[in-house]
């Protein structure tokens, strides 16, 4: 029977402890930057999907169905291996010469655009849940259709879908671990890297798992508080 000697000190021993913290920090800002892309793009796509203009609906639908039905891992590979090659030669050479961490940038773009497709469907469900009377009432006050969507419909819809957006953010956070496949040294990638030197993968993987778990639980608690404060009167409350 194989015997495994646990050594939890590897988690704080120099330089591995610092490396693991760097991986955690990379996960955090990678996820936040991807979300900063996903939320506005997702909202814009959701609006396109409910517009009277058929062309806008087709563009929005094509975006969602394409990105949502291609695995994120495949999209990461496409951004990393194919996108730079599709650019003009001078642009491609400039990217490789001047962008310090191109794999990180492409990882953010891949994760952000993929998550945007999921966010779009969440926001669209909120937009469709807004009572039709809200739109007519806003127009009767003198607001333009664009102003009605901006000041009335969209704020209402976003409050409705806070639980869905919380779920999508957590999915984005956890999906960031796939960025290791294109060389981004986030939490999972750094844990595997440390394991290759120390042969204590159980300890580093456990630490990485706890990072994801504790961060996810913290976000759930925070978003639960935000949801309770922004809940629309008359909507069914989520059970605590």
C-alpha atoms as a PDB file:
ATOM      1  CA  UNK A   1       0.000   0.000   0.000  1.00  0.00           C
ATOM      2  CA  UNK A   2       1.358   3.411  -0.946  1.00  0.00           C
ATOM      3  CA  UNK A   3       2.099   5.818   1.864  1.00  0.00           C
ATOM      4  CA  UNK A   4       1.728   9.579   1.409  1.00  0.00           C
ATOM      5  CA  UNK A   5       3.596  11.972   3.706  1.00  0.00           C
ATOM      6  CA  UNK A   6       1.582  15.145   4.172  1.00  0.00           C
ATOM      7  CA  UNK A   7       3.544  18.374   4.360  1.00  0.00           C
ATOM      8  CA  UNK A   8       1.216  21.342   4.730  1.00  0.00           C
ATOM      9  CA  UNK A   9       4.166  23.656   5.307  1.00  0.00           C
ATOM     10  CA  UNK A  10       4.621  23.724   1.533  1.00  0.00           C
ATOM     11  CA  UNK A  11       1.716  26.190   1.451  1.00  0.00           C
ATOM     12  CA  UNK A  12       3.704  28.896   3.233  1.00  0.00           C
ATOM     13  CA  UNK A  13       7.279  27.800   2.630  1.00  0.00           C
ATOM     14  CA  UNK A  14       9.344  30.246   0.539  1.00  0.00           C
ATOM     15  CA  UNK A  15       8.836  30.726  -2.354  1.00  0.00           C
ATOM     16  CA  UNK A  16       5.766  28.510  -2.779  1.00  0.00           C
ATOM     17  CA  UNK A  17       3.477  30.402  -0.422  1.00  0.00           C
ATOM     18  CA  UNK A  18       4.130  33.647  -2.268  1.00  0.00           C
ATOM     19  CA  UNK A  19       3.621  31.925  -5.616  1.00  0.00           C
ATOM     20  CA  UNK A  20       0.251  30.544  -4.515  1.00  0.00           C
ATOM     21  CA  UNK A  21      -0.868  33.995  -3.349  1.00  0.00           C
ATOM     22  CA  UNK A  22       0.171  35.418  -6.715  1.00  0.00           C
ATOM     23  CA  UNK A  23      -1.994  32.783  -8.371  1.00  0.00           C
ATOM     24  CA  UNK A  24      -4.966  33.725  -6.197  1.00  0.00           C
ATOM     25  CA  UNK A  25      -4.508  37.409  -7.040  1.00  0.00           C
ATOM     26  CA  UNK A  26      -4.328  36.565 -10.745  1.00  0.00           C
ATOM     27  CA  UNK A  27      -7.592  34.636 -10.450  1.00  0.00           C
ATOM     28  CA  UNK A  28      -9.266  37.609  -8.776  1.00  0.00           C
ATOM     29  CA  UNK A  29      -8.312  40.286 -11.290  1.00  0.00           C
ATOM     30  CA  UNK A  30      -8.726  37.934 -14.260  1.00  0.00           C
ATOM     31  CA  UNK A  31     -12.299  37.227 -13.148  1.00  0.00           C
ATOM     32  CA  UNK A  32     -13.099  40.875 -12.416  1.00  0.00           C
ATOM     33  CA  UNK A  33     -11.778  42.083 -15.774  1.00  0.00           C
ATOM     34  CA  UNK A  34     -13.676  39.347 -17.608  1.00  0.00           C
ATOM     35  CA  UNK A  35     -16.832  40.335 -15.723  1.00  0.00           C
ATOM     36  CA  UNK A  36     -16.239  43.994 -16.612  1.00  0.00           C
ATOM     37  CA  UNK A  37     -16.470  42.876 -20.250  1.00  0.00           C
ATOM     38  CA  UNK A  38     -19.287  40.365 -19.775  1.00  0.00           C
ATOM     39  CA  UNK A  39     -21.790  42.607 -17.993  1.00  0.00           C
ATOM     40  CA  UNK A  40     -22.007  45.566 -20.424  1.00  0.00           C
ATOM     41  CA  UNK A  41     -21.674  43.348 -23.503  1.00  0.00           C
ATOM     42  CA  UNK A  42     -24.281  40.962 -22.121  1.00  0.00           C
ATOM     43  CA  UNK A  43     -26.703  43.811 -21.409  1.00  0.00           C
ATOM     44  CA  UNK A  44     -26.210  45.189 -24.939  1.00  0.00           C
ATOM     45  CA  UNK A  45     -26.807  41.766 -26.500  1.00  0.00           C
ATOM     46  CA  UNK A  46     -29.908  41.239 -24.351  1.00  0.00           C
ATOM     47  CA  UNK A  47     -31.318  44.555 -25.564  1.00  0.00           C
ATOM     48  CA  UNK A  48     -30.587  43.561 -29.155  1.00  0.00           C
ATOM     49  CA  UNK A  49     -32.543  40.346 -28.659  1.00  0.00           C
ATOM     50  CA  UNK A  50     -35.754  42.173 -27.730  1.00  0.00           C
ATOM     51  CA  UNK A  51     -35.485  45.052 -30.202  1.00  0.00           C
ATOM     52  CA  UNK A  52     -38.171  45.464 -32.910  1.00  0.00           C
ATOM     53  CA  UNK A  53     -35.344  45.566 -35.483  1.00  0.00           C
ATOM     54  CA  UNK A  54     -34.995  42.087 -36.991  1.00  0.00           C
ATOM     55  CA  UNK A  55     -31.309  42.600 -37.839  1.00  0.00           C
ATOM     56  CA  UNK A  56     -30.512  43.450 -34.201  1.00  0.00           C
ATOM     57  CA  UNK A  57     -32.352  40.346 -33.011  1.00  0.00           C
ATOM     58  CA  UNK A  58     -30.458  38.181 -35.498  1.00  0.00           C
ATOM     59  CA  UNK A  59     -27.093  39.590 -34.395  1.00  0.00           C
ATOM     60  CA  UNK A  60     -27.941  39.116 -30.721  1.00  0.00           C
ATOM     61  CA  UNK A  61     -29.252  35.611 -31.269  1.00  0.00           C
ATOM     62  CA  UNK A  62     -26.236  34.592 -33.342  1.00  0.00           C
ATOM     63  CA  UNK A  63     -23.851  35.871 -30.664  1.00  0.00           C
ATOM     64  CA  UNK A  64     -25.601  34.003 -27.859  1.00  0.00           C
ATOM     65  CA  UNK A  65     -26.132  30.716 -29.676  1.00  0.00           C
ATOM     66  CA  UNK A  66     -22.591  30.651 -31.066  1.00  0.00           C
ATOM     67  CA  UNK A  67     -20.644  31.443 -27.917  1.00  0.00           C
ATOM     68  CA  UNK A  68     -22.923  29.612 -25.516  1.00  0.00           C
ATOM     69  CA  UNK A  69     -22.737  26.361 -27.475  1.00  0.00           C
ATOM     70  CA  UNK A  70     -18.970  26.209 -28.003  1.00  0.00           C
ATOM     71  CA  UNK A  71     -17.037  24.936 -24.957  1.00  0.00           C
ATOM     72  CA  UNK A  72     -15.039  27.627 -23.193  1.00  0.00           C
ATOM     73  CA  UNK A  73     -11.870  25.540 -23.489  1.00  0.00           C
ATOM     74  CA  UNK A  74     -12.222  25.524 -27.286  1.00  0.00           C
ATOM     75  CA  UNK A  75     -12.799  29.285 -27.266  1.00  0.00           C
ATOM     76  CA  UNK A  76      -9.676  29.831 -25.176  1.00  0.00           C
ATOM     77  CA  UNK A  77      -7.646  27.845 -27.686  1.00  0.00           C
ATOM     78  CA  UNK A  78      -9.209  29.806 -30.550  1.00  0.00           C
ATOM     79  CA  UNK A  79      -8.310  33.157 -28.989  1.00  0.00           C
ATOM     80  CA  UNK A  80      -4.786  32.014 -28.132  1.00  0.00           C
ATOM     81  CA  UNK A  81      -3.799  30.124 -31.292  1.00  0.00           C
ATOM     82  CA  UNK A  82      -6.043  31.515 -34.033  1.00  0.00           C
ATOM     83  CA  UNK A  83      -6.929  35.136 -33.299  1.00  0.00           C
ATOM     84  CA  UNK A  84      -3.357  36.548 -33.415  1.00  0.00           C
ATOM     85  CA  UNK A  85      -2.734  34.656 -36.663  1.00  0.00           C
ATOM     86  CA  UNK A  86      -5.862  36.158 -38.227  1.00  0.00           C
ATOM     87  CA  UNK A  87      -4.590  39.689 -37.651  1.00  0.00           C
ATOM     88  CA  UNK A  88      -2.458  41.546 -40.216  1.00  0.00           C
ATOM     89  CA  UNK A  89       1.221  40.627 -40.006  1.00  0.00           C
ATOM     90  CA  UNK A  90       2.343  43.953 -38.544  1.00  0.00           C
ATOM     91  CA  UNK A  91      -0.377  43.857 -35.894  1.00  0.00           C
ATOM     92  CA  UNK A  92       0.484  40.290 -34.942  1.00  0.00           C
ATOM     93  CA  UNK A  93       4.193  41.108 -34.597  1.00  0.00           C
ATOM     94  CA  UNK A  94       3.360  44.219 -32.565  1.00  0.00           C
ATOM     95  CA  UNK A  95       1.232  42.169 -30.170  1.00  0.00           C
ATOM     96  CA  UNK A  96       3.942  39.593 -29.532  1.00  0.00           C
ATOM     97  CA  UNK A  97       6.604  42.292 -29.182  1.00  0.00           C
ATOM     98  CA  UNK A  98       4.735  44.787 -26.995  1.00  0.00           C
ATOM     99  CA  UNK A  99       2.035  43.002 -24.993  1.00  0.00           C
ATOM    100  CA  UNK A 100       3.808  41.723 -21.922  1.00  0.00           C
ATOM    101  CA  UNK A 101       1.408  38.898 -21.058  1.00  0.00           C
ATOM    102  CA  UNK A 102      -0.568  38.166 -24.191  1.00  0.00           C
ATOM    103  CA  UNK A 103      -1.967  34.889 -22.855  1.00  0.00           C
ATOM    104  CA  UNK A 104      -3.494  36.775 -19.916  1.00  0.00           C
ATOM    105  CA  UNK A 105      -5.078  39.410 -22.176  1.00  0.00           C
ATOM    106  CA  UNK A 106      -6.492  36.775 -24.514  1.00  0.00           C
ATOM    107  CA  UNK A 107      -7.747  34.782 -21.524  1.00  0.00           C
ATOM    108  CA  UNK A 108      -9.647  37.823 -20.248  1.00  0.00           C
ATOM    109  CA  UNK A 109     -11.183  38.416 -23.683  1.00  0.00           C
ATOM    110  CA  UNK A 110     -12.171  34.772 -24.135  1.00  0.00           C
ATOM    111  CA  UNK A 111     -13.700  34.466 -20.677  1.00  0.00           C
ATOM    112  CA  UNK A 112     -15.405  37.861 -20.934  1.00  0.00           C
ATOM    113  CA  UNK A 113     -17.020  37.285 -24.328  1.00  0.00           C
ATOM    114  CA  UNK A 114     -18.112  33.754 -23.383  1.00  0.00           C
ATOM    115  CA  UNK A 115     -19.663  34.905 -20.110  1.00  0.00           C
ATOM    116  CA  UNK A 116     -21.382  37.785 -21.926  1.00  0.00           C
ATOM    117  CA  UNK A 117     -23.502  35.268 -23.859  1.00  0.00           C
ATOM    118  CA  UNK A 118     -24.705  33.735 -20.599  1.00  0.00           C
ATOM    119  CA  UNK A 119     -25.295  37.144 -19.030  1.00  0.00           C
ATOM    120  CA  UNK A 120     -27.323  38.185 -22.078  1.00  0.00           C
ATOM    121  CA  UNK A 121     -29.809  35.373 -21.536  1.00  0.00           C
ATOM    122  CA  UNK A 122     -30.105  36.191 -17.832  1.00  0.00           C
ATOM    123  CA  UNK A 123     -30.741  39.879 -18.534  1.00  0.00           C
ATOM    124  CA  UNK A 124     -33.158  39.066 -21.358  1.00  0.00           C
ATOM    125  CA  UNK A 125     -35.265  37.015 -18.958  1.00  0.00           C
ATOM    126  CA  UNK A 126     -35.404  40.053 -16.675  1.00  0.00           C
ATOM    127  CA  UNK A 127     -36.376  42.372 -19.518  1.00  0.00           C
ATOM    128  CA  UNK A 128     -39.197  40.039 -20.539  1.00  0.00           C
ATOM    129  CA  UNK A 129     -40.414  39.973 -16.925  1.00  0.00           C
ATOM    130  CA  UNK A 130     -40.998  43.745 -16.848  1.00  0.00           C
ATOM    131  CA  UNK A 131     -44.758  44.455 -17.043  1.00  0.00           C
ATOM    132  CA  UNK A 132     -45.766  46.009 -20.371  1.00  0.00           C
ATOM    133  CA  UNK A 133     -47.506  48.786 -18.478  1.00  0.00           C
ATOM    134  CA  UNK A 134     -44.144  50.058 -17.239  1.00  0.00           C
ATOM    135  CA  UNK A 135     -43.063  50.853 -20.791  1.00  0.00           C
ATOM    136  CA  UNK A 136     -46.307  52.598 -21.698  1.00  0.00           C
ATOM    137  CA  UNK A 137     -46.344  54.568 -18.450  1.00  0.00           C
ATOM    138  CA  UNK A 138     -42.773  55.767 -19.000  1.00  0.00           C
ATOM    139  CA  UNK A 139     -43.557  56.861 -22.556  1.00  0.00           C
ATOM    140  CA  UNK A 140     -46.586  58.785 -21.310  1.00  0.00           C
ATOM    141  CA  UNK A 141     -44.305  60.910 -19.104  1.00  0.00           C
ATOM    142  CA  UNK A 142     -42.454  62.155 -22.176  1.00  0.00           C
ATOM    143  CA  UNK A 143     -39.469  59.812 -22.110  1.00  0.00           C
ATOM    144  CA  UNK A 144     -38.162  58.598 -25.453  1.00  0.00           C
ATOM    145  CA  UNK A 145     -38.032  54.826 -26.094  1.00  0.00           C
ATOM    146  CA  UNK A 146     -34.258  54.890 -25.490  1.00  0.00           C
ATOM    147  CA  UNK A 147     -34.722  56.890 -22.293  1.00  0.00           C
ATOM    148  CA  UNK A 148     -37.434  54.500 -21.157  1.00  0.00           C
ATOM    149  CA  UNK A 149     -35.125  51.515 -21.518  1.00  0.00           C
ATOM    150  CA  UNK A 150     -32.252  53.343 -19.828  1.00  0.00           C
ATOM    151  CA  UNK A 151     -34.087  54.861 -16.862  1.00  0.00           C
ATOM    152  CA  UNK A 152     -37.019  52.496 -16.275  1.00  0.00           C
ATOM    153  CA  UNK A 153     -36.925  49.095 -17.978  1.00  0.00           C
ATOM    154  CA  UNK A 154     -33.256  48.162 -17.602  1.00  0.00           C
ATOM    155  CA  UNK A 155     -32.904  49.151 -13.900  1.00  0.00           C
ATOM    156  CA  UNK A 156     -36.073  47.168 -13.135  1.00  0.00           C
ATOM    157  CA  UNK A 157     -34.838  44.126 -15.056  1.00  0.00           C
ATOM    158  CA  UNK A 158     -31.388  44.165 -13.443  1.00  0.00           C
ATOM    159  CA  UNK A 159     -32.951  44.163  -9.979  1.00  0.00           C
ATOM    160  CA  UNK A 160     -35.038  41.149 -10.950  1.00  0.00           C
ATOM    161  CA  UNK A 161     -32.054  39.122 -12.185  1.00  0.00           C
ATOM    162  CA  UNK A 162     -29.571  39.831  -9.371  1.00  0.00           C
ATOM    163  CA  UNK A 163     -29.640  36.138  -8.285  1.00  0.00           C
ATOM    164  CA  UNK A 164     -28.965  35.028 -11.875  1.00  0.00           C
ATOM    165  CA  UNK A 165     -26.144  37.542 -12.281  1.00  0.00           C
ATOM    166  CA  UNK A 166     -24.632  36.337  -9.002  1.00  0.00           C
ATOM    167  CA  UNK A 167     -24.618  32.798 -10.366  1.00  0.00           C
ATOM    168  CA  UNK A 168     -23.034  33.924 -13.627  1.00  0.00           C
ATOM    169  CA  UNK A 169     -20.304  35.832 -11.788  1.00  0.00           C
ATOM    170  CA  UNK A 170     -19.471  32.755  -9.724  1.00  0.00           C
ATOM    171  CA  UNK A 171     -19.394  30.674 -12.906  1.00  0.00           C
ATOM    172  CA  UNK A 172     -17.035  33.220 -14.451  1.00  0.00           C
ATOM    173  CA  UNK A 173     -14.825  33.076 -11.354  1.00  0.00           C
ATOM    174  CA  UNK A 174     -14.628  29.283 -11.442  1.00  0.00           C
ATOM    175  CA  UNK A 175     -14.194  29.154 -15.221  1.00  0.00           C
ATOM    176  CA  UNK A 176     -11.070  31.296 -14.845  1.00  0.00           C
ATOM    177  CA  UNK A 177      -9.262  28.086 -13.844  1.00  0.00           C
ATOM    178  CA  UNK A 178      -9.366  27.013 -17.514  1.00  0.00           C
ATOM    179  CA  UNK A 179      -7.032  29.888 -18.372  1.00  0.00           C
ATOM    180  CA  UNK A 180      -4.176  27.699 -17.143  1.00  0.00           C
ATOM    181  CA  UNK A 181      -4.474  25.788 -20.433  1.00  0.00           C
ATOM    182  CA  UNK A 182      -3.079  28.797 -22.329  1.00  0.00           C
ATOM    183  CA  UNK A 183      -0.356  29.541 -19.797  1.00  0.00           C
ATOM    184  CA  UNK A 184      -2.077  31.904 -17.355  1.00  0.00           C
ATOM    185  CA  UNK A 185      -0.713  31.154 -13.898  1.00  0.00           C
ATOM    186  CA  UNK A 186      -3.875  31.620 -11.864  1.00  0.00           C
ATOM    187  CA  UNK A 187      -4.733  29.629  -8.727  1.00  0.00           C
ATOM    188  CA  UNK A 188      -5.102  26.212 -10.349  1.00  0.00           C
ATOM    189  CA  UNK A 189      -2.171  26.707 -12.693  1.00  0.00           C
ATOM    190  CA  UNK A 190       0.080  27.845  -9.864  1.00  0.00           C
ATOM    191  CA  UNK A 191      -0.991  24.913  -7.682  1.00  0.00           C
ATOM    192  CA  UNK A 192      -0.005  22.499 -10.456  1.00  0.00           C
ATOM    193  CA  UNK A 193       3.259  24.380 -10.986  1.00  0.00           C
ATOM    194  CA  UNK A 194       4.158  24.113  -7.301  1.00  0.00           C
ATOM    195  CA  UNK A 195       3.258  20.413  -7.362  1.00  0.00           C
ATOM    196  CA  UNK A 196       5.764  19.851 -10.180  1.00  0.00           C
ATOM    197  CA  UNK A 197       8.541  20.999  -7.819  1.00  0.00           C
ATOM    198  CA  UNK A 198       7.364  19.687  -4.448  1.00  0.00           C
ATOM    199  CA  UNK A 199       5.339  16.586  -5.386  1.00  0.00           C
ATOM    200  CA  UNK A 200       2.743  17.680  -2.832  1.00  0.00           C
ATOM    201  CA  UNK A 201      -0.168  18.160  -5.171  1.00  0.00           C
ATOM    202  CA  UNK A 202      -2.746  17.076  -2.602  1.00  0.00           C
ATOM    203  CA  UNK A 203      -1.880  19.992  -0.323  1.00  0.00           C
ATOM    204  CA  UNK A 204      -1.734  22.602  -3.080  1.00  0.00           C
ATOM    205  CA  UNK A 205      -4.922  21.337  -4.735  1.00  0.00           C
ATOM    206  CA  UNK A 206      -6.715  21.395  -1.386  1.00  0.00           C
ATOM    207  CA  UNK A 207      -5.586  24.984  -0.857  1.00  0.00           C
ATOM    208  CA  UNK A 208      -6.782  25.951  -4.340  1.00  0.00           C
ATOM    209  CA  UNK A 209     -10.139  24.266  -3.705  1.00  0.00           C
ATOM    210  CA  UNK A 210     -10.561  26.192  -0.455  1.00  0.00           C
ATOM    211  CA  UNK A 211      -9.814  29.461  -2.264  1.00  0.00           C
ATOM    212  CA  UNK A 212     -12.619  28.800  -4.748  1.00  0.00           C
ATOM    213  CA  UNK A 213     -15.011  27.608  -2.045  1.00  0.00           C
ATOM    214  CA  UNK A 214     -14.441  30.470   0.405  1.00  0.00           C
ATOM    215  CA  UNK A 215     -14.545  33.106  -2.327  1.00  0.00           C
ATOM    216  CA  UNK A 216     -17.771  31.678  -3.738  1.00  0.00           C
ATOM    217  CA  UNK A 217     -19.414  31.575  -0.307  1.00  0.00           C
ATOM    218  CA  UNK A 218     -18.346  35.175   0.346  1.00  0.00           C
ATOM    219  CA  UNK A 219     -19.865  36.321  -2.948  1.00  0.00           C
ATOM    220  CA  UNK A 220     -23.090  34.426  -2.183  1.00  0.00           C
ATOM    221  CA  UNK A 221     -23.424  36.171   1.187  1.00  0.00           C
ATOM    222  CA  UNK A 222     -22.626  39.596  -0.299  1.00  0.00           C
ATOM    223  CA  UNK A 223     -25.023  39.223  -3.216  1.00  0.00           C
ATOM    224  CA  UNK A 224     -27.715  37.914  -0.879  1.00  0.00           C
ATOM    225  CA  UNK A 225     -27.491  41.138   1.111  1.00  0.00           C
ATOM    226  CA  UNK A 226     -27.590  43.237  -2.053  1.00  0.00           C
ATOM    227  CA  UNK A 227     -30.573  41.271  -3.324  1.00  0.00           C
ATOM    228  CA  UNK A 228     -32.508  41.768  -0.086  1.00  0.00           C
ATOM    229  CA  UNK A 229     -31.924  45.532  -0.219  1.00  0.00           C
ATOM    230  CA  UNK A 230     -32.817  45.876  -3.905  1.00  0.00           C
ATOM    231  CA  UNK A 231     -35.714  43.421  -4.022  1.00  0.00           C
ATOM    232  CA  UNK A 232     -38.717  44.859  -5.824  1.00  0.00           C
ATOM    233  CA  UNK A 233     -41.834  45.010  -3.605  1.00  0.00           C
ATOM    234  CA  UNK A 234     -44.335  42.378  -4.647  1.00  0.00           C
ATOM    235  CA  UNK A 235     -41.708  40.007  -6.048  1.00  0.00           C
ATOM    236  CA  UNK A 236     -41.390  36.580  -4.461  1.00  0.00           C
ATOM    237  CA  UNK A 237     -38.613  36.656  -1.883  1.00  0.00           C
ATOM    238  CA  UNK A 238     -35.931  34.026  -1.985  1.00  0.00           C
ATOM    239  CA  UNK A 239     -36.016  31.737   1.008  1.00  0.00           C
ATOM    240  CA  UNK A 240     -33.259  32.428   3.509  1.00  0.00           C
END
